[in-house]
């Protein structure tokens, strides 16, 4: 009703409720990713860009709480018939690829250690950010800027030259 379409038309685009929920989670994930990436100042060293992105992600619980909670609930509970998660790590592939490209750029610029596997750094970065955001959703009293600084410092000290 909110979308202004009939149920019949809705089911023309989705096979079943699980398919609709998966699409909703993917859309929510895209909204969250855009909130962090869109308009992000991309000038300067990659390490500074990563620090700014972490800071933006830390503010998501204040600016996009409903999206965060909905995406998390769907992702953790939507299962395939065999019981496995319907939305798995493959959902992150595009995000990981973009982050990997940034890490490789930082390596070529000399700001990030060249001996590190850029894909693994991207996965580790995203895991740290996801953990930070999850903690901030559950603990709204935690200062997001201070937490973002801590996460950025830990990451960048580990991967920086």
N, C-alpha and C. Protein backbone atom coordinates (compact mmCIF):
# COMPACT_ATOMS: atom_id res chain seq x y z
N UNK A 1 0.83 -1.19 0.00
CA UNK A 1 0.00 0.00 0.00
C UNK A 1 0.87 1.26 0.00
N UNK A 2 1.93 1.25 0.81
CA UNK A 2 2.82 2.41 0.86
C UNK A 2 3.52 2.63 -0.47
N UNK A 3 3.80 1.56 -1.20
CA UNK A 3 4.46 1.67 -2.50
C UNK A 3 3.50 2.05 -3.61
N UNK A 4 2.20 1.99 -3.31
CA UNK A 4 1.21 2.35 -4.31
C UNK A 4 1.00 1.30 -5.38
N UNK A 5 1.26 0.04 -5.04
CA UNK A 5 1.05 -1.05 -5.98
C UNK A 5 0.16 -2.12 -5.35
N UNK A 6 -0.48 -2.87 -6.20
CA UNK A 6 -1.34 -3.95 -5.70
C UNK A 6 -0.49 -5.14 -5.29
N UNK A 7 -1.08 -6.04 -4.50
CA UNK A 7 -0.37 -7.26 -4.10
C UNK A 7 0.01 -8.08 -5.33
N UNK A 8 -0.89 -8.13 -6.28
CA UNK A 8 -0.62 -8.90 -7.50
C UNK A 8 0.61 -8.39 -8.22
N UNK A 9 0.74 -7.08 -8.34
CA UNK A 9 1.91 -6.50 -9.00
C UNK A 9 3.17 -6.75 -8.18
N UNK A 10 3.04 -6.66 -6.87
CA UNK A 10 4.18 -6.92 -5.99
C UNK A 10 4.73 -8.32 -6.24
N UNK A 11 3.83 -9.30 -6.31
CA UNK A 11 4.29 -10.68 -6.49
C UNK A 11 4.72 -10.96 -7.93
N UNK A 12 4.49 -10.02 -8.81
CA UNK A 12 5.05 -10.13 -10.16
C UNK A 12 6.58 -9.97 -10.10
N UNK A 13 7.04 -9.16 -9.16
CA UNK A 13 8.47 -8.86 -9.04
C UNK A 13 9.20 -9.76 -8.04
N UNK A 14 8.48 -10.37 -7.11
CA UNK A 14 9.10 -11.21 -6.08
C UNK A 14 8.44 -12.57 -6.06
N UNK A 15 9.25 -13.60 -5.89
CA UNK A 15 8.74 -14.97 -5.88
C UNK A 15 7.91 -15.28 -4.64
N UNK A 16 8.37 -14.75 -3.49
CA UNK A 16 7.69 -15.03 -2.23
C UNK A 16 8.15 -14.00 -1.20
N UNK A 17 7.68 -14.15 0.03
CA UNK A 17 8.02 -13.20 1.07
C UNK A 17 9.52 -13.17 1.35
N UNK A 18 10.17 -14.31 1.32
CA UNK A 18 11.61 -14.34 1.55
C UNK A 18 12.36 -13.54 0.49
N UNK A 19 11.93 -13.66 -0.75
CA UNK A 19 12.53 -12.91 -1.85
C UNK A 19 12.34 -11.40 -1.62
N UNK A 20 11.15 -11.02 -1.19
CA UNK A 20 10.86 -9.61 -0.90
C UNK A 20 11.73 -9.12 0.26
N UNK A 21 11.85 -9.91 1.32
CA UNK A 21 12.67 -9.52 2.47
C UNK A 21 14.15 -9.39 2.08
N UNK A 22 14.64 -10.31 1.26
CA UNK A 22 16.04 -10.23 0.81
C UNK A 22 16.26 -8.95 0.02
N UNK A 23 15.30 -8.61 -0.84
CA UNK A 23 15.42 -7.37 -1.62
C UNK A 23 15.38 -6.15 -0.70
N UNK A 24 14.53 -6.20 0.31
CA UNK A 24 14.45 -5.08 1.27
C UNK A 24 15.77 -4.93 2.02
N UNK A 25 16.37 -6.03 2.43
CA UNK A 25 17.65 -5.97 3.13
C UNK A 25 18.74 -5.40 2.23
N UNK A 26 18.76 -5.84 0.98
CA UNK A 26 19.76 -5.32 0.04
C UNK A 26 19.57 -3.82 -0.20
N UNK A 27 18.33 -3.41 -0.28
CA UNK A 27 18.05 -1.97 -0.46
C UNK A 27 18.49 -1.19 0.78
N UNK A 28 18.20 -1.72 1.95
CA UNK A 28 18.62 -1.07 3.19
C UNK A 28 20.13 -0.99 3.28
N UNK A 29 20.81 -2.05 2.88
CA UNK A 29 22.27 -2.07 2.87
C UNK A 29 22.81 -1.00 1.93
N UNK A 30 22.17 -0.85 0.77
CA UNK A 30 22.59 0.18 -0.20
C UNK A 30 22.40 1.57 0.37
N UNK A 31 21.30 1.79 1.09
CA UNK A 31 21.05 3.09 1.72
C UNK A 31 22.14 3.39 2.75
N UNK A 32 22.49 2.39 3.55
CA UNK A 32 23.53 2.58 4.57
C UNK A 32 24.89 2.84 3.93
N UNK A 33 25.22 2.08 2.90
CA UNK A 33 26.49 2.29 2.20
C UNK A 33 26.56 3.69 1.60
N UNK A 34 25.47 4.12 1.00
CA UNK A 34 25.43 5.46 0.39
C UNK A 34 25.58 6.55 1.45
N UNK A 35 25.01 6.33 2.62
CA UNK A 35 25.11 7.32 3.69
C UNK A 35 26.57 7.52 4.11
N UNK A 36 27.36 6.49 4.00
CA UNK A 36 28.78 6.59 4.36
C UNK A 36 29.60 7.14 3.20
N UNK A 37 29.32 6.70 2.00
CA UNK A 37 30.18 6.98 0.85
C UNK A 37 29.84 8.28 0.12
N UNK A 38 28.55 8.54 -0.10
CA UNK A 38 28.14 9.69 -0.92
C UNK A 38 28.63 11.02 -0.33
N UNK A 39 29.27 11.80 -1.15
CA UNK A 39 29.75 13.11 -0.72
C UNK A 39 30.99 13.07 0.15
N UNK A 40 31.57 11.90 0.31
CA UNK A 40 32.77 11.77 1.13
C UNK A 40 33.94 12.44 0.42
N UNK A 41 34.64 13.30 1.12
CA UNK A 41 35.80 13.99 0.56
C UNK A 41 36.87 12.94 0.24
N UNK A 42 37.16 12.79 -1.04
CA UNK A 42 38.10 11.76 -1.48
C UNK A 42 39.51 12.31 -1.72
N UNK A 43 39.72 13.54 -1.32
CA UNK A 43 41.05 14.12 -1.51
C UNK A 43 41.98 13.68 -0.39
N UNK A 44 43.25 13.78 -0.65
CA UNK A 44 44.24 13.44 0.35
C UNK A 44 44.55 11.95 0.37
N UNK A 45 45.33 11.56 1.36
CA UNK A 45 45.75 10.15 1.44
C UNK A 45 44.56 9.22 1.72
N UNK A 46 44.69 7.99 1.26
CA UNK A 46 43.65 6.98 1.48
C UNK A 46 43.42 6.77 2.97
N UNK A 47 44.46 6.85 3.77
CA UNK A 47 44.29 6.65 5.21
C UNK A 47 43.35 7.71 5.80
N UNK A 48 43.42 8.93 5.31
CA UNK A 48 42.50 9.99 5.78
C UNK A 48 41.07 9.70 5.31
N UNK A 49 40.94 9.22 4.10
CA UNK A 49 39.62 8.86 3.58
C UNK A 49 39.00 7.75 4.43
N UNK A 50 39.78 6.73 4.76
CA UNK A 50 39.28 5.64 5.60
C UNK A 50 38.86 6.17 6.97
N UNK A 51 39.63 7.06 7.52
CA UNK A 51 39.29 7.65 8.83
C UNK A 51 37.95 8.40 8.74
N UNK A 52 37.75 9.16 7.67
CA UNK A 52 36.49 9.91 7.51
C UNK A 52 35.31 8.95 7.32
N UNK A 53 35.53 7.88 6.56
CA UNK A 53 34.46 6.90 6.33
C UNK A 53 34.08 6.20 7.64
N UNK A 54 35.05 5.87 8.45
CA UNK A 54 34.77 5.25 9.75
C UNK A 54 33.96 6.22 10.62
N UNK A 55 34.32 7.49 10.58
CA UNK A 55 33.56 8.49 11.35
C UNK A 55 32.12 8.59 10.89
N UNK A 56 31.91 8.54 9.59
CA UNK A 56 30.54 8.59 9.06
C UNK A 56 29.76 7.34 9.46
N UNK A 57 30.41 6.20 9.39
CA UNK A 57 29.74 4.94 9.76
C UNK A 57 29.33 4.97 11.24
N UNK A 58 30.17 5.59 12.07
CA UNK A 58 29.85 5.66 13.50
C UNK A 58 28.60 6.49 13.78
N UNK A 59 28.25 7.36 12.87
CA UNK A 59 27.06 8.19 13.06
C UNK A 59 25.78 7.53 12.53
N UNK A 60 25.91 6.39 11.85
CA UNK A 60 24.73 5.71 11.32
C UNK A 60 23.68 5.35 12.38
N UNK A 61 24.08 4.90 13.57
CA UNK A 61 23.04 4.59 14.55
C UNK A 61 22.18 5.81 14.92
N UNK A 62 22.72 6.99 14.81
CA UNK A 62 21.94 8.20 15.10
C UNK A 62 21.13 8.65 13.89
N UNK A 63 21.64 8.41 12.69
CA UNK A 63 20.98 8.92 11.49
C UNK A 63 20.15 7.88 10.74
N UNK A 64 20.48 6.60 10.90
CA UNK A 64 19.82 5.54 10.13
C UNK A 64 19.51 4.32 11.00
N UNK A 65 19.13 4.53 12.23
CA UNK A 65 18.88 3.42 13.16
C UNK A 65 17.89 2.40 12.60
N UNK A 66 16.77 2.86 12.04
CA UNK A 66 15.74 1.93 11.54
C UNK A 66 16.30 1.03 10.44
N UNK A 67 17.09 1.60 9.53
CA UNK A 67 17.69 0.79 8.47
C UNK A 67 18.64 -0.25 9.05
N UNK A 68 19.48 0.18 10.00
CA UNK A 68 20.44 -0.73 10.62
C UNK A 68 19.73 -1.91 11.28
N UNK A 69 18.72 -1.61 12.07
CA UNK A 69 18.01 -2.66 12.80
C UNK A 69 17.30 -3.60 11.83
N UNK A 70 16.63 -3.04 10.83
CA UNK A 70 15.90 -3.88 9.87
C UNK A 70 16.85 -4.78 9.08
N UNK A 71 17.92 -4.22 8.56
CA UNK A 71 18.86 -5.02 7.78
C UNK A 71 19.46 -6.12 8.64
N UNK A 72 19.84 -5.79 9.85
CA UNK A 72 20.42 -6.79 10.76
C UNK A 72 19.43 -7.92 11.05
N UNK A 73 18.20 -7.56 11.36
CA UNK A 73 17.19 -8.57 11.68
C UNK A 73 16.93 -9.49 10.48
N UNK A 74 16.80 -8.92 9.32
CA UNK A 74 16.57 -9.74 8.13
C UNK A 74 17.78 -10.63 7.86
N UNK A 75 18.97 -10.04 7.89
CA UNK A 75 20.19 -10.79 7.56
C UNK A 75 20.43 -11.95 8.53
N UNK A 76 20.11 -11.76 9.80
CA UNK A 76 20.34 -12.81 10.79
C UNK A 76 19.26 -13.88 10.81
N UNK A 77 18.08 -13.56 10.30
CA UNK A 77 16.96 -14.49 10.44
C UNK A 77 16.44 -15.09 9.15
N UNK A 78 16.78 -14.51 8.02
CA UNK A 78 16.28 -15.02 6.74
C UNK A 78 17.12 -16.24 6.33
N UNK A 79 16.47 -17.38 6.24
CA UNK A 79 17.18 -18.63 5.98
C UNK A 79 16.73 -19.30 4.70
N UNK A 80 17.64 -20.02 4.10
CA UNK A 80 17.32 -20.86 2.94
C UNK A 80 16.64 -22.13 3.46
N UNK A 81 16.03 -22.90 2.57
CA UNK A 81 15.37 -24.13 3.02
C UNK A 81 16.28 -25.09 3.80
N UNK A 82 17.58 -25.07 3.49
CA UNK A 82 18.51 -25.96 4.21
C UNK A 82 18.94 -25.40 5.57
N UNK A 83 18.43 -24.20 5.92
CA UNK A 83 18.75 -23.60 7.22
C UNK A 83 19.91 -22.63 7.19
N UNK A 84 20.62 -22.56 6.07
CA UNK A 84 21.75 -21.63 5.98
C UNK A 84 21.24 -20.20 5.79
N UNK A 85 22.08 -19.25 6.11
CA UNK A 85 21.71 -17.85 5.92
C UNK A 85 21.46 -17.57 4.44
N UNK A 86 20.37 -16.91 4.17
CA UNK A 86 20.06 -16.57 2.77
C UNK A 86 20.96 -15.42 2.30
N UNK A 87 21.23 -14.49 3.19
CA UNK A 87 22.13 -13.38 2.89
C UNK A 87 23.45 -13.67 3.59
N UNK A 88 24.48 -13.89 2.82
CA UNK A 88 25.75 -14.26 3.41
C UNK A 88 26.84 -13.27 3.01
N UNK A 89 28.08 -13.66 3.22
CA UNK A 89 29.21 -12.77 2.94
C UNK A 89 29.26 -12.30 1.49
N UNK A 90 28.67 -13.06 0.58
CA UNK A 90 28.66 -12.67 -0.83
C UNK A 90 27.96 -11.32 -1.03
N UNK A 91 27.07 -10.96 -0.11
CA UNK A 91 26.37 -9.68 -0.20
C UNK A 91 27.35 -8.50 -0.09
N UNK A 92 28.50 -8.75 0.49
CA UNK A 92 29.51 -7.71 0.69
C UNK A 92 30.49 -7.59 -0.48
N UNK A 93 30.41 -8.46 -1.47
CA UNK A 93 31.44 -8.49 -2.52
C UNK A 93 31.70 -7.15 -3.18
N UNK A 94 30.65 -6.43 -3.56
CA UNK A 94 30.87 -5.13 -4.21
C UNK A 94 31.54 -4.15 -3.25
N UNK A 95 31.09 -4.15 -2.01
CA UNK A 95 31.68 -3.27 -1.01
C UNK A 95 33.15 -3.62 -0.79
N UNK A 96 33.44 -4.92 -0.63
CA UNK A 96 34.82 -5.36 -0.45
C UNK A 96 35.68 -4.96 -1.65
N UNK A 97 35.14 -5.09 -2.84
CA UNK A 97 35.92 -4.76 -4.04
C UNK A 97 36.28 -3.28 -4.07
N UNK A 98 35.34 -2.42 -3.71
CA UNK A 98 35.63 -0.99 -3.67
C UNK A 98 36.67 -0.66 -2.61
N UNK A 99 36.54 -1.29 -1.46
CA UNK A 99 37.52 -1.06 -0.39
C UNK A 99 38.89 -1.62 -0.77
N UNK A 100 38.89 -2.76 -1.42
CA UNK A 100 40.15 -3.35 -1.88
C UNK A 100 40.87 -2.39 -2.82
N UNK A 101 40.11 -1.78 -3.73
CA UNK A 101 40.71 -0.82 -4.66
C UNK A 101 41.31 0.36 -3.91
N UNK A 102 40.63 0.81 -2.86
CA UNK A 102 41.18 1.91 -2.04
C UNK A 102 42.46 1.48 -1.34
N UNK A 103 42.46 0.28 -0.78
CA UNK A 103 43.66 -0.22 -0.10
C UNK A 103 44.82 -0.31 -1.10
N UNK A 104 44.55 -0.82 -2.28
CA UNK A 104 45.60 -0.93 -3.31
C UNK A 104 46.10 0.45 -3.72
N UNK A 105 45.20 1.42 -3.80
CA UNK A 105 45.63 2.79 -4.10
C UNK A 105 46.54 3.30 -2.99
N UNK A 106 46.14 3.07 -1.74
CA UNK A 106 46.98 3.47 -0.60
C UNK A 106 48.34 2.79 -0.61
N UNK A 107 48.36 1.54 -1.05
CA UNK A 107 49.63 0.82 -1.16
C UNK A 107 50.50 1.45 -2.25
N UNK A 108 49.88 1.80 -3.38
CA UNK A 108 50.65 2.39 -4.47
C UNK A 108 51.14 3.79 -4.11
N UNK A 109 50.40 4.49 -3.24
CA UNK A 109 50.80 5.83 -2.80
C UNK A 109 51.82 5.78 -1.66
N UNK A 110 52.05 4.59 -1.11
CA UNK A 110 53.03 4.43 -0.05
C UNK A 110 52.49 4.67 1.36
N UNK A 111 51.17 4.81 1.52
CA UNK A 111 50.60 5.05 2.85
C UNK A 111 50.19 3.77 3.56
N UNK A 112 50.00 2.70 2.80
CA UNK A 112 49.58 1.42 3.37
C UNK A 112 50.63 0.38 3.03
N UNK A 113 50.92 -0.46 3.99
CA UNK A 113 51.96 -1.47 3.82
C UNK A 113 51.72 -2.32 2.57
N UNK A 114 52.72 -2.45 1.73
CA UNK A 114 52.57 -3.21 0.49
C UNK A 114 52.55 -4.72 0.70
N UNK A 115 52.98 -5.20 1.86
CA UNK A 115 53.05 -6.64 2.12
C UNK A 115 51.70 -7.24 2.51
N UNK A 116 50.67 -6.40 2.64
CA UNK A 116 49.37 -6.88 3.07
C UNK A 116 48.48 -7.25 1.89
N UNK A 117 47.68 -8.29 2.05
CA UNK A 117 46.70 -8.68 1.04
C UNK A 117 45.55 -7.66 1.11
N UNK A 118 45.37 -6.90 0.04
CA UNK A 118 44.39 -5.81 0.04
C UNK A 118 42.97 -6.31 0.28
N UNK A 119 42.63 -7.48 -0.23
CA UNK A 119 41.28 -8.02 -0.02
C UNK A 119 41.06 -8.34 1.46
N UNK A 120 42.05 -8.95 2.09
CA UNK A 120 41.93 -9.28 3.51
C UNK A 120 41.86 -8.02 4.37
N UNK A 121 42.59 -7.00 3.98
CA UNK A 121 42.50 -5.73 4.70
C UNK A 121 41.10 -5.15 4.55
N UNK A 122 40.53 -5.22 3.35
CA UNK A 122 39.17 -4.71 3.12
C UNK A 122 38.16 -5.46 3.98
N UNK A 123 38.27 -6.77 4.04
CA UNK A 123 37.35 -7.58 4.85
C UNK A 123 37.52 -7.23 6.33
N UNK A 124 38.76 -7.09 6.77
CA UNK A 124 39.03 -6.75 8.17
C UNK A 124 38.50 -5.36 8.50
N UNK A 125 38.71 -4.42 7.61
CA UNK A 125 38.19 -3.07 7.79
C UNK A 125 36.67 -3.11 7.97
N UNK A 126 35.98 -3.81 7.07
CA UNK A 126 34.52 -3.84 7.13
C UNK A 126 34.04 -4.56 8.39
N UNK A 127 34.74 -5.59 8.80
CA UNK A 127 34.38 -6.31 10.02
C UNK A 127 34.51 -5.40 11.24
N UNK A 128 35.56 -4.61 11.28
CA UNK A 128 35.75 -3.66 12.38
C UNK A 128 34.65 -2.61 12.39
N UNK A 129 34.30 -2.09 11.22
CA UNK A 129 33.26 -1.07 11.13
C UNK A 129 31.90 -1.66 11.51
N UNK A 130 31.60 -2.85 11.02
CA UNK A 130 30.33 -3.49 11.37
C UNK A 130 30.22 -3.73 12.87
N UNK A 131 31.31 -4.18 13.48
CA UNK A 131 31.32 -4.39 14.93
C UNK A 131 31.12 -3.09 15.69
N UNK A 132 31.76 -2.04 15.24
CA UNK A 132 31.61 -0.73 15.87
C UNK A 132 30.15 -0.26 15.78
N UNK A 133 29.58 -0.33 14.58
CA UNK A 133 28.21 0.14 14.37
C UNK A 133 27.24 -0.70 15.20
N UNK A 134 27.43 -2.01 15.22
CA UNK A 134 26.55 -2.88 16.01
C UNK A 134 26.62 -2.51 17.49
N UNK A 135 27.82 -2.26 17.98
CA UNK A 135 27.97 -1.88 19.39
C UNK A 135 27.29 -0.54 19.67
N UNK A 136 27.42 0.40 18.75
CA UNK A 136 26.80 1.71 18.93
C UNK A 136 25.27 1.63 18.89
N UNK A 137 24.72 0.73 18.08
CA UNK A 137 23.26 0.54 18.06
C UNK A 137 22.79 0.03 19.42
N UNK A 138 23.52 -0.92 19.98
CA UNK A 138 23.13 -1.53 21.26
C UNK A 138 23.47 -0.66 22.46
N UNK A 139 24.39 0.29 22.28
CA UNK A 139 24.86 1.12 23.39
C UNK A 139 24.87 2.59 22.98
N UNK A 140 23.69 3.20 22.88
CA UNK A 140 23.62 4.58 22.38
C UNK A 140 24.33 5.62 23.25
N UNK A 141 24.69 5.25 24.46
CA UNK A 141 25.41 6.18 25.34
C UNK A 141 26.89 6.32 24.98
N UNK A 142 27.40 5.40 24.14
CA UNK A 142 28.81 5.45 23.74
C UNK A 142 29.00 6.58 22.74
N UNK A 143 30.06 7.35 22.94
CA UNK A 143 30.37 8.48 22.06
C UNK A 143 30.83 7.95 20.69
N UNK A 144 30.05 8.18 19.63
CA UNK A 144 30.41 7.62 18.32
C UNK A 144 31.70 8.20 17.76
N UNK A 145 31.97 9.47 18.02
CA UNK A 145 33.20 10.07 17.48
C UNK A 145 34.44 9.49 18.16
N UNK A 146 34.37 9.30 19.46
CA UNK A 146 35.50 8.72 20.19
C UNK A 146 35.72 7.27 19.75
N UNK A 147 34.62 6.54 19.57
CA UNK A 147 34.73 5.15 19.14
C UNK A 147 35.30 5.08 17.72
N UNK A 148 34.85 5.95 16.83
CA UNK A 148 35.36 5.97 15.46
C UNK A 148 36.86 6.26 15.45
N UNK A 149 37.29 7.19 16.29
CA UNK A 149 38.71 7.50 16.39
C UNK A 149 39.50 6.28 16.84
N UNK A 150 38.98 5.57 17.83
CA UNK A 150 39.65 4.36 18.32
C UNK A 150 39.76 3.31 17.22
N UNK A 151 38.66 3.05 16.53
CA UNK A 151 38.67 2.04 15.46
C UNK A 151 39.64 2.45 14.35
N UNK A 152 39.58 3.71 13.95
CA UNK A 152 40.49 4.19 12.89
C UNK A 152 41.94 4.07 13.34
N UNK A 153 42.23 4.47 14.56
CA UNK A 153 43.62 4.36 15.06
C UNK A 153 44.10 2.92 15.05
N UNK A 154 43.27 2.00 15.55
CA UNK A 154 43.66 0.59 15.59
C UNK A 154 43.93 0.06 14.18
N UNK A 155 43.01 0.34 13.27
CA UNK A 155 43.17 -0.14 11.90
C UNK A 155 44.39 0.48 11.23
N UNK A 156 44.47 1.79 11.27
CA UNK A 156 45.52 2.48 10.52
C UNK A 156 46.90 2.24 11.09
N UNK A 157 47.02 2.03 12.39
CA UNK A 157 48.32 1.69 12.95
C UNK A 157 48.77 0.32 12.49
N UNK A 158 47.80 -0.56 12.24
CA UNK A 158 48.13 -1.90 11.78
C UNK A 158 48.49 -1.97 10.31
N UNK A 159 47.84 -1.12 9.49
CA UNK A 159 48.07 -1.23 8.04
C UNK A 159 48.95 -0.13 7.49
N UNK A 160 49.16 0.94 8.27
CA UNK A 160 49.95 2.07 7.79
C UNK A 160 51.43 1.77 7.75
N UNK A 161 52.12 2.53 6.93
CA UNK A 161 53.57 2.37 6.84
C UNK A 161 54.24 3.16 7.93
